[in-house]
Amino acid sequence: MSLHSQPTSSIPEETQRVARAAFPRGNVYMRMRDELGELYTDGLFVELFPRRGQPAESPGHLAWVTVLQFAEGLSDRQAAEAVGGHIDWK
């Protein structure tokens, strides 16, 4: 695996609209992103990856999922499912 650092991701406008409709007052995860911004950028992890090889998943995003997984007390499988199904995790 190699790290091809990706620019800071923004949440697509449609995803934001759906999340705000689902959670009009927000929730803890949405407030964390709104107030803290992106906590983990790929640049923090660049020294952990070789320069050559297949691109890795964004370690910044994976670190964030790990925080949410811990907060919810989820197994790895449950966290993987939550990434695909929870609009507030996007």
PDB file of N, CA and C in Angstrom:
ATOM      1  N   MET A   1       0.839  -1.177   0.000  1.00  0.00           N
ATOM      2  CA  MET A   1       0.000   0.000   0.000  1.00  0.00           C
ATOM      3  C   MET A   1       0.882   1.236   0.000  1.00  0.00           C
ATOM      4  N   SER A   2       0.457   2.214  -0.727  1.00  0.00           N
ATOM      5  CA  SER A   2       1.120   3.511  -0.713  1.00  0.00           C
ATOM      6  C   SER A   2       0.061   4.575  -0.441  1.00  0.00           C
ATOM      7  N   LEU A   3       0.521   5.696   0.030  1.00  0.00           N
ATOM      8  CA  LEU A   3      -0.412   6.773   0.345  1.00  0.00           C
ATOM      9  C   LEU A   3      -0.298   7.850  -0.711  1.00  0.00           C
ATOM     10  N   HIS A   4      -1.324   7.967  -1.499  1.00  0.00           N
ATOM     11  CA  HIS A   4      -1.421   9.068  -2.446  1.00  0.00           C
ATOM     12  C   HIS A   4      -2.365  10.061  -1.786  1.00  0.00           C
ATOM     13  N   SER A   5      -1.764  10.991  -1.065  1.00  0.00           N
ATOM     14  CA  SER A   5      -2.550  11.917  -0.259  1.00  0.00           C
ATOM     15  C   SER A   5      -3.646  12.582  -1.077  1.00  0.00           C
ATOM     16  N   GLN A   6      -4.822  12.590  -0.508  1.00  0.00           N
ATOM     17  CA  GLN A   6      -5.977  13.173  -1.167  1.00  0.00           C
ATOM     18  C   GLN A   6      -6.263  14.534  -0.545  1.00  0.00           C
ATOM     19  N   PRO A   7      -6.738  15.471  -1.348  1.00  0.00           N
ATOM     20  CA  PRO A   7      -7.067  16.775  -0.765  1.00  0.00           C
ATOM     21  C   PRO A   7      -8.173  16.625   0.277  1.00  0.00           C
ATOM     22  N   THR A   8      -8.224  17.579   1.174  1.00  0.00           N
ATOM     23  CA  THR A   8      -9.269  17.572   2.194  1.00  0.00           C
ATOM     24  C   THR A   8     -10.621  17.431   1.510  1.00  0.00           C
ATOM     25  N   SER A   9     -11.364  16.459   1.983  1.00  0.00           N
ATOM     26  CA  SER A   9     -12.637  16.180   1.324  1.00  0.00           C
ATOM     27  C   SER A   9     -13.728  17.101   1.847  1.00  0.00           C
ATOM     28  N   SER A  10     -14.589  17.470   0.949  1.00  0.00           N
ATOM     29  CA  SER A  10     -15.763  18.223   1.363  1.00  0.00           C
ATOM     30  C   SER A  10     -16.966  17.296   1.224  1.00  0.00           C
ATOM     31  N   ILE A  11     -17.960  17.557   2.005  1.00  0.00           N
ATOM     32  CA  ILE A  11     -19.162  16.732   1.967  1.00  0.00           C
ATOM     33  C   ILE A  11     -20.014  17.207   0.798  1.00  0.00           C
ATOM     34  N   PRO A  12     -20.419  16.297  -0.082  1.00  0.00           N
ATOM     35  CA  PRO A  12     -21.253  16.715  -1.217  1.00  0.00           C
ATOM     36  C   PRO A  12     -22.508  17.450  -0.746  1.00  0.00           C
ATOM     37  N   GLU A  13     -22.910  18.433  -1.523  1.00  0.00           N
ATOM     38  CA  GLU A  13     -24.055  19.275  -1.158  1.00  0.00           C
ATOM     39  C   GLU A  13     -25.325  18.453  -0.929  1.00  0.00           C
ATOM     40  N   GLU A  14     -25.566  17.471  -1.777  1.00  0.00           N
ATOM     41  CA  GLU A  14     -26.768  16.633  -1.635  1.00  0.00           C
ATOM     42  C   GLU A  14     -26.726  15.840  -0.325  1.00  0.00           C
ATOM     43  N   THR A  15     -25.542  15.329   0.034  1.00  0.00           N
ATOM     44  CA  THR A  15     -25.392  14.598   1.294  1.00  0.00           C
ATOM     45  C   THR A  15     -25.674  15.521   2.471  1.00  0.00           C
ATOM     46  N   GLN A  16     -25.169  16.734   2.414  1.00  0.00           N
ATOM     47  CA  GLN A  16     -25.439  17.706   3.484  1.00  0.00           C
ATOM     48  C   GLN A  16     -26.931  17.992   3.600  1.00  0.00           C
ATOM     49  N   ARG A  17     -27.585  18.167   2.463  1.00  0.00           N
ATOM     50  CA  ARG A  17     -29.017  18.467   2.461  1.00  0.00           C
ATOM     51  C   ARG A  17     -29.810  17.328   3.096  1.00  0.00           C
ATOM     52  N   VAL A  18     -29.505  16.090   2.708  1.00  0.00           N
ATOM     53  CA  VAL A  18     -30.212  14.927   3.248  1.00  0.00           C
ATOM     54  C   VAL A  18     -29.947  14.793   4.750  1.00  0.00           C
ATOM     55  N   ALA A  19     -28.695  14.981   5.157  1.00  0.00           N
ATOM     56  CA  ALA A  19     -28.356  14.870   6.578  1.00  0.00           C
ATOM     57  C   ALA A  19     -29.083  15.931   7.399  1.00  0.00           C
ATOM     58  N   ARG A  20     -29.147  17.147   6.886  1.00  0.00           N
ATOM     59  CA  ARG A  20     -29.845  18.224   7.610  1.00  0.00           C
ATOM     60  C   ARG A  20     -31.349  17.962   7.666  1.00  0.00           C
ATOM     61  N   ALA A  21     -31.884  17.345   6.626  1.00  0.00           N
ATOM     62  CA  ALA A  21     -33.313  16.999   6.642  1.00  0.00           C
ATOM     63  C   ALA A  21     -33.578  15.880   7.648  1.00  0.00           C
ATOM     64  N   ALA A  22     -32.666  14.918   7.734  1.00  0.00           N
ATOM     65  CA  ALA A  22     -32.830  13.793   8.658  1.00  0.00           C
ATOM     66  C   ALA A  22     -32.591  14.214  10.107  1.00  0.00           C
ATOM     67  N   PHE A  23     -31.679  15.157  10.306  1.00  0.00           N
ATOM     68  CA  PHE A  23     -31.330  15.629  11.648  1.00  0.00           C
ATOM     69  C   PHE A  23     -31.389  17.155  11.663  1.00  0.00           C
ATOM     70  N   PRO A  24     -32.599  17.738  11.711  1.00  0.00           N
ATOM     71  CA  PRO A  24     -32.730  19.204  11.627  1.00  0.00           C
ATOM     72  C   PRO A  24     -31.925  19.957  12.687  1.00  0.00           C
ATOM     73  N   ARG A  25     -31.807  19.377  13.859  1.00  0.00           N
ATOM     74  CA  ARG A  25     -31.028  20.026  14.919  1.00  0.00           C
ATOM     75  C   ARG A  25     -29.610  19.483  14.985  1.00  0.00           C
ATOM     76  N   GLY A  26     -29.256  18.645  14.014  1.00  0.00           N
ATOM     77  CA  GLY A  26     -27.932  18.039  14.004  1.00  0.00           C
ATOM     78  C   GLY A  26     -27.828  16.935  15.040  1.00  0.00           C
ATOM     79  N   ASN A  27     -26.657  16.406  15.180  1.00  0.00           N
ATOM     80  CA  ASN A  27     -26.353  15.436  16.231  1.00  0.00           C
ATOM     81  C   ASN A  27     -24.874  15.584  16.569  1.00  0.00           C
ATOM     82  N   VAL A  28     -24.397  14.780  17.485  1.00  0.00           N
ATOM     83  CA  VAL A  28     -23.028  14.947  17.972  1.00  0.00           C
ATOM     84  C   VAL A  28     -22.005  14.819  16.844  1.00  0.00           C
ATOM     85  N   TYR A  29     -22.206  13.909  15.910  1.00  0.00           N
ATOM     86  CA  TYR A  29     -21.227  13.703  14.841  1.00  0.00           C
ATOM     87  C   TYR A  29     -21.226  14.861  13.851  1.00  0.00           C
ATOM     88  N   MET A  30     -22.387  15.346  13.528  1.00  0.00           N
ATOM     89  CA  MET A  30     -22.476  16.484  12.613  1.00  0.00           C
ATOM     90  C   MET A  30     -21.884  17.740  13.265  1.00  0.00           C
ATOM     91  N   ARG A  31     -22.145  17.926  14.557  1.00  0.00           N
ATOM     92  CA  ARG A  31     -21.582  19.084  15.253  1.00  0.00           C
ATOM     93  C   ARG A  31     -20.063  18.991  15.341  1.00  0.00           C
ATOM     94  N   MET A  32     -19.552  17.776  15.562  1.00  0.00           N
ATOM     95  CA  MET A  32     -18.100  17.606  15.613  1.00  0.00           C
ATOM     96  C   MET A  32     -17.467  18.040  14.299  1.00  0.00           C
ATOM     97  N   ARG A  33     -18.023  17.591  13.191  1.00  0.00           N
ATOM     98  CA  ARG A  33     -17.472  17.962  11.881  1.00  0.00           C
ATOM     99  C   ARG A  33     -17.634  19.465  11.632  1.00  0.00           C
ATOM    100  N   ASP A  34     -18.796  20.006  11.974  1.00  0.00           N
ATOM    101  CA  ASP A  34     -19.041  21.430  11.748  1.00  0.00           C
ATOM    102  C   ASP A  34     -18.101  22.310  12.573  1.00  0.00           C
ATOM    103  N   GLU A  35     -17.889  21.935  13.826  1.00  0.00           N
ATOM    104  CA  GLU A  35     -17.116  22.785  14.725  1.00  0.00           C
ATOM    105  C   GLU A  35     -15.618  22.522  14.675  1.00  0.00           C
ATOM    106  N   LEU A  36     -15.240  21.266  14.483  1.00  0.00           N
ATOM    107  CA  LEU A  36     -13.815  20.929  14.494  1.00  0.00           C
ATOM    108  C   LEU A  36     -13.208  20.827  13.105  1.00  0.00           C
ATOM    109  N   GLY A  37     -14.040  20.659  12.106  1.00  0.00           N
ATOM    110  CA  GLY A  37     -13.526  20.454  10.757  1.00  0.00           C
ATOM    111  C   GLY A  37     -12.959  19.053  10.623  1.00  0.00           C
ATOM    112  N   GLU A  38     -12.076  18.874   9.686  1.00  0.00           N
ATOM    113  CA  GLU A  38     -11.480  17.558   9.467  1.00  0.00           C
ATOM    114  C   GLU A  38     -10.340  17.367  10.458  1.00  0.00           C
ATOM    115  N   LEU A  39     -10.482  16.404  11.355  1.00  0.00           N
ATOM    116  CA  LEU A  39      -9.488  16.186  12.402  1.00  0.00           C
ATOM    117  C   LEU A  39      -8.226  15.509  11.894  1.00  0.00           C
ATOM    118  N   TYR A  40      -8.391  14.528  11.053  1.00  0.00           N
ATOM    119  CA  TYR A  40      -7.264  13.718  10.602  1.00  0.00           C
ATOM    120  C   TYR A  40      -7.078  13.895   9.103  1.00  0.00           C
ATOM    121  N   THR A  41      -5.959  14.459   8.711  1.00  0.00           N
ATOM    122  CA  THR A  41      -5.662  14.589   7.291  1.00  0.00           C
ATOM    123  C   THR A  41      -4.665  13.507   6.903  1.00  0.00           C
ATOM    124  N   ASP A  42      -4.649  13.156   5.643  1.00  0.00           N
ATOM    125  CA  ASP A  42      -3.738  12.113   5.176  1.00  0.00           C
ATOM    126  C   ASP A  42      -2.277  12.480   5.421  1.00  0.00           C
ATOM    127  N   GLY A  43      -1.974  13.766   5.413  1.00  0.00           N
ATOM    128  CA  GLY A  43      -0.598  14.206   5.632  1.00  0.00           C
ATOM    129  C   GLY A  43      -0.021  13.757   6.967  1.00  0.00           C
ATOM    130  N   LEU A  44      -0.866  13.559   7.952  1.00  0.00           N
ATOM    131  CA  LEU A  44      -0.405  13.088   9.265  1.00  0.00           C
ATOM    132  C   LEU A  44       0.154  11.671   9.204  1.00  0.00           C
ATOM    133  N   PHE A  45      -0.232  10.912   8.186  1.00  0.00           N
ATOM    134  CA  PHE A  45       0.113   9.500   8.102  1.00  0.00           C
ATOM    135  C   PHE A  45       1.103   9.186   6.982  1.00  0.00           C
ATOM    136  N   VAL A  46       1.554  10.186   6.257  1.00  0.00           N
ATOM    137  CA  VAL A  46       2.330   9.957   5.040  1.00  0.00           C
ATOM    138  C   VAL A  46       3.616   9.165   5.300  1.00  0.00           C
ATOM    139  N   GLU A  47       4.255   9.355   6.435  1.00  0.00           N
ATOM    140  CA  GLU A  47       5.502   8.650   6.724  1.00  0.00           C
ATOM    141  C   GLU A  47       5.290   7.170   7.024  1.00  0.00           C
ATOM    142  N   LEU A  48       4.077   6.750   7.238  1.00  0.00           N
ATOM    143  CA  LEU A  48       3.787   5.351   7.542  1.00  0.00           C
ATOM    144  C   LEU A  48       3.638   4.492   6.295  1.00  0.00           C
ATOM    145  N   PHE A  49       3.639   5.104   5.123  1.00  0.00           N
ATOM    146  CA  PHE A  49       3.375   4.392   3.877  1.00  0.00           C
ATOM    147  C   PHE A  49       4.559   4.516   2.927  1.00  0.00           C
ATOM    148  N   PRO A  50       4.850   3.435   2.181  1.00  0.00           N
ATOM    149  CA  PRO A  50       5.895   3.537   1.156  1.00  0.00           C
ATOM    150  C   PRO A  50       5.419   4.433   0.015  1.00  0.00           C
ATOM    151  N   ARG A  51       6.354   4.856  -0.804  1.00  0.00           N
ATOM    152  CA  ARG A  51       6.008   5.745  -1.918  1.00  0.00           C
ATOM    153  C   ARG A  51       5.401   4.990  -3.093  1.00  0.00           C
ATOM    154  N   ARG A  52       5.665   3.692  -3.186  1.00  0.00           N
ATOM    155  CA  ARG A  52       5.153   2.919  -4.320  1.00  0.00           C
ATOM    156  C   ARG A  52       4.150   1.885  -3.834  1.00  0.00           C
ATOM    157  N   GLY A  53       3.307   1.435  -4.748  1.00  0.00           N
ATOM    158  CA  GLY A  53       2.325   0.407  -4.424  1.00  0.00           C
ATOM    159  C   GLY A  53       0.913   0.871  -4.710  1.00  0.00           C
ATOM    160  N   GLN A  54      -0.021  -0.005  -4.421  1.00  0.00           N
ATOM    161  CA  GLN A  54      -1.432   0.313  -4.621  1.00  0.00           C
ATOM    162  C   GLN A  54      -1.851   1.412  -3.647  1.00  0.00           C
ATOM    163  N   PRO A  55      -2.706   2.308  -4.091  1.00  0.00           N
ATOM    164  CA  PRO A  55      -3.155   3.366  -3.181  1.00  0.00           C
ATOM    165  C   PRO A  55      -3.948   2.798  -2.001  1.00  0.00           C
ATOM    166  N   ALA A  56      -3.703   3.349  -0.846  1.00  0.00           N
ATOM    167  CA  ALA A  56      -4.426   2.944   0.362  1.00  0.00           C
ATOM    168  C   ALA A  56      -5.717   3.741   0.473  1.00  0.00           C
ATOM    169  N   GLU A  57      -6.644   3.219   1.255  1.00  0.00           N
ATOM    170  CA  GLU A  57      -7.803   4.029   1.629  1.00  0.00           C
ATOM    171  C   GLU A  57      -7.282   5.217   2.431  1.00  0.00           C
ATOM    172  N   SER A  58      -8.008   6.278   2.440  1.00  0.00           N
ATOM    173  CA  SER A  58      -7.578   7.474   3.155  1.00  0.00           C
ATOM    174  C   SER A  58      -7.417   7.166   4.645  1.00  0.00           C
ATOM    175  N   PRO A  59      -6.187   7.220   5.175  1.00  0.00           N
ATOM    176  CA  PRO A  59      -6.013   6.940   6.602  1.00  0.00           C
ATOM    177  C   PRO A  59      -6.701   7.982   7.478  1.00  0.00           C
ATOM    178  N   GLY A  60      -6.839   9.194   6.981  1.00  0.00           N
ATOM    179  CA  GLY A  60      -7.573  10.210   7.738  1.00  0.00           C
ATOM    180  C   GLY A  60      -9.024   9.824   7.930  1.00  0.00           C
ATOM    181  N   HIS A  61      -9.639   9.312   6.869  1.00  0.00           N
ATOM    182  CA  HIS A  61     -11.035   8.865   6.972  1.00  0.00           C
ATOM    183  C   HIS A  61     -11.142   7.630   7.860  1.00  0.00           C
ATOM    184  N   LEU A  62     -10.192   6.708   7.724  1.00  0.00           N
ATOM    185  CA  LEU A  62     -10.226   5.499   8.553  1.00  0.00           C
ATOM    186  C   LEU A  62     -10.052   5.840  10.034  1.00  0.00           C
ATOM    187  N   ALA A  63      -9.204   6.813  10.336  1.00  0.00           N
ATOM    188  CA  ALA A  63      -9.023   7.229  11.732  1.00  0.00           C
ATOM    189  C   ALA A  63     -10.324   7.799  12.290  1.00  0.00           C
ATOM    190  N   TRP A  64     -11.011   8.585  11.479  1.00  0.00           N
ATOM    191  CA  TRP A  64     -12.290   9.172  11.903  1.00  0.00           C
ATOM    192  C   TRP A  64     -13.322   8.081  12.152  1.00  0.00           C
ATOM    193  N   VAL A  65     -13.379   7.083  11.287  1.00  0.00           N
ATOM    194  CA  VAL A  65     -14.313   5.967  11.473  1.00  0.00           C
ATOM    195  C   VAL A  65     -13.992   5.234  12.769  1.00  0.00           C
ATOM    196  N   THR A  66     -12.714   5.092  13.091  1.00  0.00           N
ATOM    197  CA  THR A  66     -12.319   4.431  14.334  1.00  0.00           C
ATOM    198  C   THR A  66     -12.835   5.202  15.549  1.00  0.00           C
ATOM    199  N   VAL A  67     -12.780   6.519  15.501  1.00  0.00           N
ATOM    200  CA  VAL A  67     -13.310   7.344  16.598  1.00  0.00           C
ATOM    201  C   VAL A  67     -14.812   7.121  16.741  1.00  0.00           C
ATOM    202  N   LEU A  68     -15.530   7.153  15.623  1.00  0.00           N
ATOM    203  CA  LEU A  68     -16.981   6.946  15.663  1.00  0.00           C
ATOM    204  C   LEU A  68     -17.316   5.528  16.126  1.00  0.00           C
ATOM    205  N   GLN A  69     -16.524   4.553  15.682  1.00  0.00           N
ATOM    206  CA  GLN A  69     -16.727   3.164  16.096  1.00  0.00           C
ATOM    207  C   GLN A  69     -16.596   3.042  17.614  1.00  0.00           C
ATOM    208  N   PHE A  70     -15.574   3.656  18.178  1.00  0.00           N
ATOM    209  CA  PHE A  70     -15.377   3.609  19.623  1.00  0.00           C
ATOM    210  C   PHE A  70     -16.525   4.304  20.350  1.00  0.00           C
ATOM    211  N   ALA A  71     -16.933   5.463  19.844  1.00  0.00           N
ATOM    212  CA  ALA A  71     -18.010   6.225  20.488  1.00  0.00           C
ATOM    213  C   ALA A  71     -19.311   5.432  20.535  1.00  0.00           C
ATOM    214  N   GLU A  72     -19.553   4.634  19.510  1.00  0.00           N
ATOM    215  CA  GLU A  72     -20.789   3.849  19.426  1.00  0.00           C
ATOM    216  C   GLU A  72     -20.638   2.442  20.006  1.00  0.00           C
ATOM    217  N   GLY A  73     -19.414   2.026  20.315  1.00  0.00           N
ATOM    218  CA  GLY A  73     -19.189   0.678  20.825  1.00  0.00           C
ATOM    219  C   GLY A  73     -19.478  -0.394  19.785  1.00  0.00           C
ATOM    220  N   LEU A  74     -19.076  -0.147  18.544  1.00  0.00           N
ATOM    221  CA  LEU A  74     -19.386  -1.060  17.440  1.00  0.00           C
ATOM    222  C   LEU A  74     -18.243  -2.019  17.151  1.00  0.00           C
ATOM    223  N   SER A  75     -18.598  -3.188  16.644  1.00  0.00           N
ATOM    224  CA  SER A  75     -17.592  -4.120  16.135  1.00  0.00           C
ATOM    225  C   SER A  75     -17.076  -3.579  14.806  1.00  0.00           C
ATOM    226  N   ASP A  76     -16.022  -4.185  14.282  1.00  0.00           N
ATOM    227  CA  ASP A  76     -15.498  -3.761  12.979  1.00  0.00           C
ATOM    228  C   ASP A  76     -16.564  -3.898  11.898  1.00  0.00           C
ATOM    229  N   ARG A  77     -17.278  -4.999  11.905  1.00  0.00           N
ATOM    230  CA  ARG A  77     -18.319  -5.234  10.898  1.00  0.00           C
ATOM    231  C   ARG A  77     -19.424  -4.179  11.012  1.00  0.00           C
ATOM    232  N   GLN A  78     -19.846  -3.909  12.237  1.00  0.00           N
ATOM    233  CA  GLN A  78     -20.897  -2.908  12.437  1.00  0.00           C
ATOM    234  C   GLN A  78     -20.435  -1.519  11.994  1.00  0.00           C
ATOM    235  N   ALA A  79     -19.177  -1.199  12.247  1.00  0.00           N
ATOM    236  CA  ALA A  79     -18.649   0.098  11.814  1.00  0.00           C
ATOM    237  C   ALA A  79     -18.621   0.183  10.295  1.00  0.00           C
ATOM    238  N   ALA A  80     -18.227  -0.900   9.633  1.00  0.00           N
ATOM    239  CA  ALA A  80     -18.211  -0.915   8.165  1.00  0.00           C
ATOM    240  C   ALA A  80     -19.619  -0.698   7.616  1.00  0.00           C
ATOM    241  N   GLU A  81     -20.602  -1.316   8.232  1.00  0.00           N
ATOM    242  CA  GLU A  81     -21.988  -1.134   7.795  1.00  0.00           C
ATOM    243  C   GLU A  81     -22.468   0.290   8.084  1.00  0.00           C
ATOM    244  N   ALA A  82     -22.033   0.845   9.201  1.00  0.00           N
ATOM    245  CA  ALA A  82     -22.446   2.205   9.557  1.00  0.00           C
ATOM    246  C   ALA A  82     -21.907   3.228   8.561  1.00  0.00           C
ATOM    247  N   VAL A  83     -20.699   3.009   8.066  1.00  0.00           N
ATOM    248  CA  VAL A  83     -20.124   3.931   7.081  1.00  0.00           C
ATOM    249  C   VAL A  83     -21.017   4.019   5.851  1.00  0.00           C
ATOM    250  N   GLY A  84     -21.571   2.905   5.445  1.00  0.00           N
ATOM    251  CA  GLY A  84     -22.444   2.893   4.276  1.00  0.00           C
ATOM    252  C   GLY A  84     -23.863   3.332   4.560  1.00  0.00           C
ATOM    253  N   GLY A  85     -24.303   3.215   5.807  1.00  0.00           N
ATOM    254  CA  GLY A  85     -25.711   3.437   6.088  1.00  0.00           C
ATOM    255  C   GLY A  85     -26.076   4.646   6.915  1.00  0.00           C
ATOM    256  N   HIS A  86     -25.143   5.219   7.640  1.00  0.00           N
ATOM    257  CA  HIS A  86     -25.458   6.352   8.511  1.00  0.00           C
ATOM    258  C   HIS A  86     -25.129   7.649   7.801  1.00  0.00           C
ATOM    259  N   ILE A  87     -26.127   8.403   7.446  1.00  0.00           N
ATOM    260  CA  ILE A  87     -25.908   9.668   6.737  1.00  0.00           C
ATOM    261  C   ILE A  87     -25.094  10.635   7.596  1.00  0.00           C
ATOM    262  N   ASP A  88     -25.229  10.547   8.918  1.00  0.00           N
ATOM    263  CA  ASP A  88     -24.494  11.463   9.789  1.00  0.00           C
ATOM    264  C   ASP A  88     -23.016  11.106   9.916  1.00  0.00           C
ATOM    265  N   TRP A  89     -22.606   9.922   9.438  1.00  0.00           N
ATOM    266  CA  TRP A  89     -21.197   9.541   9.450  1.00  0.00           C
ATOM    267  C   TRP A  89     -20.484  10.009   8.189  1.00  0.00           C
ATOM    268  N   LYS A  90     -21.203  10.520   7.236  1.00  0.00           N
ATOM    269  CA  LYS A  90     -20.597  10.868   5.950  1.00  0.00           C
ATOM    270  C   LYS A  90     -19.840  12.129   6.047  1.00  0.00           C
TER     271      LYS A  90
END
